[in-house]
C-alpha atoms as a PDB file:
ATOM      1  CA  LEU A   1      52.875 170.515  94.134  1.00  0.00           C
ATOM      2  CA  VAL A   2      55.411 172.936  94.473  1.00  0.00           C
ATOM      3  CA  LEU A   3      57.709 172.440  91.671  1.00  0.00           C
ATOM      4  CA  CYS A   4      54.517 173.249  89.485  1.00  0.00           C
ATOM      5  CA  GLY A   5      54.417 176.532  91.348  1.00  0.00           C
ATOM      6  CA  CYS A   6      57.986 177.906  90.743  1.00  0.00           C
ATOM      7  CA  GLY A   7      57.325 180.142  87.499  1.00  0.00           C
ATOM      8  CA  GLY A   8      57.023 176.898  84.773  1.00  0.00           C
ATOM      9  CA  LEU A   9      59.422 174.149  85.446  1.00  0.00           C
ATOM     10  CA  TRP A  10      59.203 173.159  81.607  1.00  0.00           C
ATOM     11  CA  SER A  11      59.905 177.187  80.761  1.00  0.00           C
ATOM     12  CA  LEU A  12      62.802 177.474  82.963  1.00  0.00           C
ATOM     13  CA  LEU A  13      64.322 174.604  81.024  1.00  0.00           C
ATOM     14  CA  ALA A  14      63.383 175.148  77.867  1.00  0.00           C
ATOM     15  CA  LEU A  15      65.173 178.954  78.219  1.00  0.00           C
ATOM     16  CA  TYR A  16      68.246 177.192  79.927  1.00  0.00           C
ATOM     17  CA  ARG A  17      68.345 175.088  76.667  1.00  0.00           C
ATOM     18  CA  GLN A  18      68.112 178.085  74.165  1.00  0.00           C
ATOM     19  CA  ILE A  19      70.587 180.221  75.843  1.00  0.00           C
ATOM     20  CA  ARG A  20      73.235 177.402  75.729  1.00  0.00           C
ATOM     21  CA  ARG A  21      72.427 176.455  72.580  1.00  0.00           C
ATOM     22  CA  ARG A  22      72.327 179.834  70.867  1.00  0.00           C
ATOM     23  CA  ARG A  23      74.076 181.795  73.321  1.00  0.00           C
ATOM     24  CA  SER A  24      71.053 184.580  73.013  1.00  0.00           C
ATOM     25  CA  LEU A  25      70.772 187.256  75.385  1.00  0.00           C
ATOM     26  CA  VAL A  26      68.681 187.120  78.489  1.00  0.00           C
ATOM     27  CA  THR A  27      65.883 189.365  79.204  1.00  0.00           C
ATOM     28  CA  GLU A  28      65.359 191.213  82.663  1.00  0.00           C
ATOM     29  CA  GLU A  29      62.369 189.157  82.956  1.00  0.00           C
ATOM     30  CA  GLN A  30      64.570 185.792  82.538  1.00  0.00           C
ATOM     31  CA  ARG A  31      66.898 187.182  84.899  1.00  0.00           C
ATOM     32  CA  VAL A  32      64.764 187.593  87.755  1.00  0.00           C
ATOM     33  CA  GLU A  33      62.790 184.856  86.720  1.00  0.00           C
ATOM     34  CA  ALA A  34      65.994 182.728  87.162  1.00  0.00           C
ATOM     35  CA  ALA A  35      67.066 184.330  90.412  1.00  0.00           C
ATOM     36  CA  ARG A  36      63.721 183.690  92.066  1.00  0.00           C
ATOM     37  CA  THR A  37      63.375 180.082  91.065  1.00  0.00           C
ATOM     38  CA  LYS A  38      66.354 179.638  92.214  1.00  0.00           C
ATOM     39  CA  LYS A  39      65.735 181.286  95.474  1.00  0.00           C
ATOM     40  CA  GLN A  40      62.786 179.081  96.034  1.00  0.00           C
ATOM     41  CA  MET A  41      64.791 175.722  94.942  1.00  0.00           C
ATOM     42  CA  GLU A  42      67.443 176.660  97.411  1.00  0.00           C
ATOM     43  CA  ALA A  43      64.844 177.263 100.129  1.00  0.00           C
ATOM     44  CA  LEU A  44      62.905 173.989  99.225  1.00  0.00           C
ATOM     45  CA  ILE A  45      65.877 172.194  99.737  1.00  0.00           C
ATOM     46  CA  ALA A  46      66.631 173.169 103.177  1.00  0.00           C
ATOM     47  CA  LEU A  47      63.451 172.589 104.616  1.00  0.00           C
ATOM     48  CA  ASP A  48      63.112 169.658 107.121  1.00  0.00           C
ATOM     49  CA  GLY A  49      59.913 168.561 105.285  1.00  0.00           C
ATOM     50  CA  TRP A  50      62.202 168.371 101.688  1.00  0.00           C
ATOM     51  CA  LYS A  51      64.496 166.482 103.280  1.00  0.00           C
ATOM     52  CA  MET A  52      62.437 164.088 105.603  1.00  0.00           C
ATOM     53  CA  ILE A  53      60.758 163.540 101.712  1.00  0.00           C
ATOM     54  CA  ALA A  54      63.947 163.019 100.427  1.00  0.00           C
ATOM     55  CA  GLU A  55      64.867 160.618 102.867  1.00  0.00           C
ATOM     56  CA  ALA A  56      61.574 158.713 102.295  1.00  0.00           C
ATOM     57  CA  ALA A  57      62.212 158.829  98.344  1.00  0.00           C
ATOM     58  CA  LYS A  58      65.771 157.339  98.900  1.00  0.00           C
ATOM     59  CA  ALA A  59      64.329 154.132 100.931  1.00  0.00           C
ATOM     60  CA  GLN A  60      62.196 153.617  98.529  1.00  0.00           C
ATOM     61  CA  LEU A  61      64.838 153.788  96.005  1.00  0.00           C
ATOM     62  CA  GLY A  62      66.810 151.470  97.866  1.00  0.00           C
ATOM     63  CA  ASN A  63      64.029 149.081  98.414  1.00  0.00           C
ATOM     64  CA  ARG A  64      63.120 148.768  94.688  1.00  0.00           C
ATOM     65  CA  GLU A  65      67.193 148.670  93.918  1.00  0.00           C
ATOM     66  CA  ASN A  66      67.617 145.997  96.190  1.00  0.00           C
ATOM     67  CA  THR A  67      64.653 143.827  94.879  1.00  0.00           C
ATOM     68  CA  VAL A  68      65.447 144.503  90.775  1.00  0.00           C
ATOM     69  CA  MET A  69      69.153 143.586  91.772  1.00  0.00           C
ATOM     70  CA  LEU A  70      68.849 140.754  94.235  1.00  0.00           C
ATOM     71  CA  ASN A  71      65.784 139.151  93.471  1.00  0.00           C
ATOM     72  CA  PRO A  72      65.830 138.912  89.572  1.00  0.00           C
ATOM     73  CA  THR A  73      62.309 137.793  88.190  1.00  0.00           C
ATOM     74  CA  GLU A  74      61.058 136.194  85.118  1.00  0.00           C
ATOM     75  CA  ASP A  75      58.287 138.770  84.680  1.00  0.00           C
ATOM     76  CA  LEU A  76      60.317 141.429  82.730  1.00  0.00           C
ATOM     77  CA  ALA A  77      57.463 143.579  82.805  1.00  0.00           C
ATOM     78  CA  ALA A  78      57.148 143.760  86.490  1.00  0.00           C
ATOM     79  CA  GLU A  79      61.191 144.178  86.169  1.00  0.00           C
ATOM     80  CA  ASN A  80      60.902 147.251  83.579  1.00  0.00           C
ATOM     81  CA  TYR A  81      57.769 148.499  85.762  1.00  0.00           C
ATOM     82  CA  MET A  82      60.221 148.659  88.974  1.00  0.00           C
ATOM     83  CA  LYS A  83      63.500 149.958  86.689  1.00  0.00           C
ATOM     84  CA  GLY A  84      61.034 152.715  85.642  1.00  0.00           C
ATOM     85  CA  GLU A  85      59.714 153.452  88.905  1.00  0.00           C
ATOM     86  CA  ILE A  86      63.974 153.462  89.818  1.00  0.00           C
ATOM     87  CA  GLN A  87      64.309 156.096  87.109  1.00  0.00           C
ATOM     88  CA  GLY A  88      61.566 158.304  88.337  1.00  0.00           C
ATOM     89  CA  ILE A  89      62.601 158.536  92.367  1.00  0.00           C
ATOM     90  CA  LYS A  90      66.043 159.433  91.261  1.00  0.00           C
ATOM     91  CA  LEU A  91      64.499 162.397  88.961  1.00  0.00           C
ATOM     92  CA  PHE A  92      62.500 163.412  91.447  1.00  0.00           C
ATOM     93  CA  LEU A  93      65.200 163.523  94.109  1.00  0.00           C
ATOM     94  CA  SER A  94      67.504 165.758  91.611  1.00  0.00           C
ATOM     95  CA  ILE A  95      65.189 168.361  90.281  1.00  0.00           C
ATOM     96  CA  PRO A  96      65.659 171.009  92.765  1.00  0.00           C
ATOM     97  CA  GLU A  97      69.596 170.778  92.535  1.00  0.00           C
ATOM     98  CA  LYS A  98      69.218 170.802  88.471  1.00  0.00           C
ATOM     99  CA  LEU A  99      66.847 173.625  88.510  1.00  0.00           C
ATOM    100  CA  ILE A 100      69.390 175.324  90.999  1.00  0.00           C
ATOM    101  CA  GLU A 101      72.322 174.355  88.829  1.00  0.00           C
ATOM    102  CA  GLN A 102      70.271 176.085  85.290  1.00  0.00           C
ATOM    103  CA  ASN A 103      69.083 178.806  86.882  1.00  0.00           C
ATOM    104  CA  ALA A 104      72.896 179.669  88.548  1.00  0.00           C
ATOM    105  CA  ALA A 105      73.901 179.128  84.444  1.00  0.00           C
ATOM    106  CA  ILE A 106      71.191 181.813  83.317  1.00  0.00           C
ATOM    107  CA  LEU A 107      72.210 184.170  85.967  1.00  0.00           C
ATOM    108  CA  LYS A 108      75.931 183.544  84.983  1.00  0.00           C
ATOM    109  CA  LEU A 109      75.342 184.334  81.374  1.00  0.00           C
ATOM    110  CA  ALA A 110      72.687 187.345  82.370  1.00  0.00           C
ATOM    111  CA  LEU A 111      75.963 188.761  84.612  1.00  0.00           C
ATOM    112  CA  GLU A 112      78.540 188.177  81.659  1.00  0.00           C
ATOM    113  CA  GLN A 113      76.341 190.145  79.190  1.00  0.00           C
ATOM    114  CA  GLU A 114      76.176 192.639  81.647  1.00  0.00           C
ATOM    115  CA  GLU A 115      79.779 192.979  81.793  1.00  0.00           C
ATOM    116  CA  ASP A 116      80.529 192.926  78.206  1.00  0.00           C
ATOM    117  CA  ALA A 117      77.585 195.633  77.715  1.00  0.00           C
END
């Protein structure tokens, strides 16, 4: 829910990829959006609520990893399903940090662009 309200997670990821590939110019609107999203994600991970959710997700991750590693099963579909859950939880936990990193990179490019101008 929180990530959807951050100005379009997917559009920011696409912008980051485009800038990295083409070294295109960062517009003022893109710079403002990157700064806003970076600030929001930093605020999110500083919240006690996020820390509580992250701890719960890590506990679920540990449970699933232990089940897959310590209790092998002949039911490959169930095992693959659980591996998918593991990847999904890891992705969920990494989204705020990745957005911070990507938006910091966009801001760095914008600063370099200003210095070159």
